[in-house]
Every structure is written in C-alpha cells, then in structure tokens.
Amino acid sequence: MLHGVEVPATSGHTLYASALDVYDRLPQEWKDRIAGRTALHTVSKRQRISPEHVGLSIAELKALVETEYPPTEHPLVKHDPVTGRPYLYGAPEYMDSVVGFDANENAEFFALVDRLVQDPEHVYTHRWTTNDLVVWKTATTYHAATAVDPGVTRTVHRVSIEEGEKWAA
C-alpha cells in the first residue's frame, strides 16, 4: 500500500503490471520450459550504496551484500491461493538466474519477461496526487517508480500487510 504525501505532478509516477497477465502472455514453449523450475533471487543487482559501504571496493561490496542478503531459491511459477491462477514469481532485476538454464537461456528468458512486464498496453501508470492511496497484492503485481525530476520532492509512505489467511485482494 502506498500513500502519496508529497508528490510531484510531472514525475515520480508508479507503474504497475500483473504477474498473472505476464504468465498468461508467455508463449506456451516458455511455459513448458519453466514448469517446475526455481529461480535464484538476489538483491545484489539493486543494492544501494549506504554510508557504511564507503571505502569498500566493488568486490568487497558485492561480498558484503551476498553475506548480508544471500541469494534464495524460489519457485518460478506460483499459484494464487484464492484463484489458483499461475503467475510468474519475481522480476528479472531481482533474479540472478533460472536454475538449470545456461547463460543464453537466462538472457533470452529475462529479455522476454522484461518485454511482457513493460508492454505499455499492459501497464497501469499511477500519476500521483496528494493523499492518493494505492493498494495492490504484492505477490502478483510488479511495480516500479519512474524517475523524479531534479530538485523535486517526492514523499510516498509504504505499508506492507502480511497475508495471513487466504484473501482475494
């Protein structure tokens, strides 16, 4: 859930795409190739530099991130607990690789997923106004913010609610 506290009108929008829709639009060949596979998820591709990282070499920073946030394997395709629909779990910027794919297969798969996720006909762009509140189901929704214009302030508060029992949000 995001709450727009101080939001620019011309930048800092949030983009949303459905992981259910992305899976539905995968060619059958790819659905067959990824069935039953896992992917190695990592934050190392998107790790931000913090003050405690000053002075570290790139190799030292990567090693520190891998120690603090080790890669984790997750099923590549999951099923919504309410609808039973399959969805692609994870975005290429947080996945290192699909286990069992070689480098070329991974590059081809991630390029395909990027095209599907970023297809403008399948993306909702939320243009913020003050006090907007947007709620989505994190497991089945990709989201990303667009760049904020230089010198402009954007304050958006995020609240995450842990899913307990099955719910159809």
Protein backbone atom coordinates (compact mmCIF):
# COMPACT_ATOMS: atom_id res chain seq x y z
CA MET A 1 0.00 0.00 0.00
CA LEU A 2 1.39 3.42 -0.94
CA HIS A 3 0.21 6.78 0.37
CA GLY A 4 1.23 9.88 -1.59
CA VAL A 5 2.20 12.52 0.98
CA GLU A 6 4.16 15.00 -1.12
CA VAL A 7 4.07 14.09 -4.78
CA PRO A 8 5.11 15.90 -7.95
CA ALA A 9 2.56 16.12 -10.74
CA THR A 10 5.03 15.61 -13.59
CA SER A 11 7.31 12.80 -12.43
CA GLY A 12 7.73 10.06 -9.85
CA HIS A 13 4.76 8.08 -11.14
CA THR A 14 4.31 4.42 -10.19
CA LEU A 15 3.96 1.71 -12.83
CA TYR A 16 2.02 -1.49 -12.16
CA ALA A 17 1.82 -4.74 -14.16
CA SER A 18 0.14 -8.03 -13.34
CA ALA A 19 2.32 -11.12 -12.84
CA LEU A 20 -0.78 -13.20 -13.66
CA ASP A 21 -1.09 -11.42 -17.01
CA VAL A 22 2.64 -11.79 -17.71
CA TYR A 23 2.39 -15.55 -17.18
CA ASP A 24 -0.75 -15.75 -19.35
CA ARG A 25 1.07 -13.98 -22.20
CA LEU A 26 4.17 -16.21 -22.09
CA PRO A 27 4.40 -18.38 -25.21
CA GLN A 28 3.46 -21.99 -24.44
CA GLU A 29 7.03 -23.07 -25.27
CA TRP A 30 8.31 -20.92 -22.38
CA LYS A 31 5.56 -22.08 -20.01
CA ASP A 32 6.70 -25.64 -20.70
CA ARG A 33 10.39 -24.76 -20.24
CA ILE A 34 9.87 -23.05 -16.86
CA ALA A 35 7.36 -25.54 -15.43
CA GLY A 36 8.63 -26.87 -12.10
CA ARG A 37 11.79 -24.73 -12.17
CA THR A 38 13.15 -22.47 -9.49
CA ALA A 39 14.96 -19.17 -9.82
CA LEU A 40 17.79 -17.74 -7.77
CA HIS A 41 16.64 -14.41 -6.31
CA THR A 42 19.08 -11.72 -5.17
CA VAL A 43 19.16 -8.07 -4.14
CA SER A 44 22.71 -7.64 -5.43
CA LYS A 45 21.54 -6.14 -8.74
CA ARG A 46 19.63 -3.37 -6.96
CA GLN A 47 21.65 -2.84 -3.78
CA ARG A 48 22.01 0.82 -2.89
CA ILE A 49 25.27 2.21 -1.56
CA SER A 50 25.00 3.21 2.10
CA PRO A 51 27.37 5.26 4.28
CA GLU A 52 28.84 2.05 5.76
CA HIS A 53 29.91 0.99 2.26
CA VAL A 54 32.20 3.99 1.74
CA GLY A 55 35.77 2.84 1.12
CA LEU A 56 34.85 -0.69 0.02
CA SER A 57 35.95 -1.96 -3.36
CA ILE A 58 33.27 -3.25 -5.73
CA ALA A 59 34.34 -6.82 -4.92
CA GLU A 60 34.14 -6.14 -1.17
CA LEU A 61 30.70 -4.53 -1.54
CA LYS A 62 29.39 -7.50 -3.56
CA ALA A 63 30.77 -9.95 -0.99
CA LEU A 64 29.19 -7.98 1.87
CA VAL A 65 25.79 -7.87 0.12
CA GLU A 66 25.96 -11.63 -0.59
CA THR A 67 26.72 -12.26 3.09
CA GLU A 68 24.01 -9.94 4.44
CA TYR A 69 21.41 -10.93 1.83
CA PRO A 70 22.28 -14.34 0.44
CA PRO A 71 20.61 -15.45 -2.79
CA THR A 72 17.46 -17.52 -2.24
CA GLU A 73 15.74 -20.06 -4.46
CA HIS A 74 12.01 -19.69 -5.10
CA PRO A 75 9.61 -21.44 -7.48
CA LEU A 76 9.50 -19.55 -10.76
CA VAL A 77 5.77 -20.13 -11.16
CA LYS A 78 3.44 -19.91 -8.19
CA HIS A 79 -0.34 -20.15 -7.93
CA ASP A 80 -2.63 -17.57 -6.39
CA PRO A 81 -4.05 -19.24 -3.25
CA VAL A 82 -7.55 -17.86 -3.89
CA THR A 83 -7.98 -18.13 -7.67
CA GLY A 84 -5.50 -20.91 -8.36
CA ARG A 85 -4.17 -18.94 -11.35
CA PRO A 86 -0.45 -19.33 -12.11
CA TYR A 87 1.79 -16.27 -12.03
CA LEU A 88 5.44 -15.57 -12.70
CA TYR A 89 7.14 -15.05 -9.35
CA GLY A 90 9.92 -12.49 -9.40
CA ALA A 91 11.21 -9.78 -11.69
CA PRO A 92 14.45 -10.01 -13.70
CA GLU A 93 16.05 -7.21 -11.68
CA TYR A 94 15.75 -9.40 -8.56
CA MET A 95 16.51 -12.75 -10.18
CA ASP A 96 20.04 -13.90 -10.82
CA SER A 97 19.13 -16.91 -12.92
CA VAL A 98 16.67 -19.68 -13.60
CA VAL A 99 18.17 -22.82 -12.11
CA GLY A 100 19.12 -25.22 -14.90
CA PHE A 101 19.21 -22.58 -17.66
CA ASP A 102 22.52 -21.65 -19.26
CA ALA A 103 23.55 -18.00 -19.67
CA ASN A 104 21.94 -17.72 -23.13
CA GLU A 105 18.64 -19.21 -21.97
CA ASN A 106 18.58 -16.89 -18.95
CA ALA A 107 19.29 -13.84 -21.12
CA GLU A 108 16.55 -14.85 -23.58
CA PHE A 109 14.02 -15.54 -20.82
CA PHE A 110 14.74 -12.31 -18.92
CA ALA A 111 14.51 -10.27 -22.14
CA LEU A 112 11.11 -11.83 -22.87
CA VAL A 113 9.86 -11.16 -19.35
CA ASP A 114 11.09 -7.56 -19.50
CA ARG A 115 9.18 -7.03 -22.77
CA LEU A 116 6.00 -8.51 -21.27
CA VAL A 117 6.24 -6.60 -17.99
CA GLN A 118 6.98 -3.28 -19.70
CA ASP A 119 4.43 -3.56 -22.52
CA PRO A 120 2.61 -0.18 -22.32
CA GLU A 121 -0.70 -1.83 -23.24
CA HIS A 122 -0.47 -3.92 -20.06
CA VAL A 123 0.92 -1.33 -17.60
CA TYR A 124 -1.10 0.97 -15.37
CA THR A 125 0.67 4.26 -14.65
CA HIS A 126 -0.44 5.96 -11.47
CA ARG A 127 0.10 9.71 -11.64
CA TRP A 128 0.10 10.77 -8.03
CA THR A 129 -1.94 13.50 -6.41
CA THR A 130 -1.65 14.38 -2.73
CA ASN A 131 -3.21 11.82 -0.37
CA ASP A 132 -3.73 9.15 -3.02
CA LEU A 133 -3.74 5.66 -1.54
CA VAL A 134 -2.92 2.71 -3.81
CA VAL A 135 -3.34 -0.87 -2.64
CA TRP A 136 -2.17 -3.94 -4.56
CA LYS A 137 -1.34 -7.57 -3.96
CA THR A 138 2.46 -7.64 -3.90
CA ALA A 139 2.89 -11.31 -4.85
CA THR A 140 1.04 -10.91 -8.14
CA THR A 141 1.90 -7.32 -9.06
CA TYR A 142 5.11 -5.79 -10.37
CA HIS A 143 5.61 -2.14 -9.51
CA ALA A 144 8.28 0.49 -10.09
CA ALA A 145 8.61 4.25 -9.70
CA THR A 146 9.60 6.47 -12.58
CA ALA A 147 12.44 8.98 -12.10
CA VAL A 148 11.73 12.12 -10.11
CA ASP A 149 12.65 15.43 -11.75
CA PRO A 150 15.79 17.04 -10.26
CA GLY A 151 15.06 19.40 -7.38
CA VAL A 152 11.57 17.97 -6.85
CA THR A 153 10.48 16.32 -3.60
CA ARG A 154 8.55 13.05 -3.55
CA THR A 155 7.39 11.52 -0.28
CA VAL A 156 5.38 8.32 -0.54
CA HIS A 157 4.83 6.14 2.52
CA ARG A 158 4.66 2.38 2.11
CA VAL A 159 2.85 -0.02 4.39
CA SER A 160 3.00 -3.78 3.88
CA ILE A 161 0.39 -6.08 5.34
CA GLU A 162 1.36 -9.67 5.91
CA GLU A 163 -1.06 -12.07 4.34
CA GLY A 164 -2.43 -14.43 6.98
CA GLU A 165 -5.44 -16.36 5.77
CA LYS A 166 -6.41 -16.54 2.11
CA TRP A 167 -7.75 -13.22 0.83
CA ALA A 168 -8.86 -12.21 -2.60
CA ALA A 169 -7.34 -8.74 -2.92
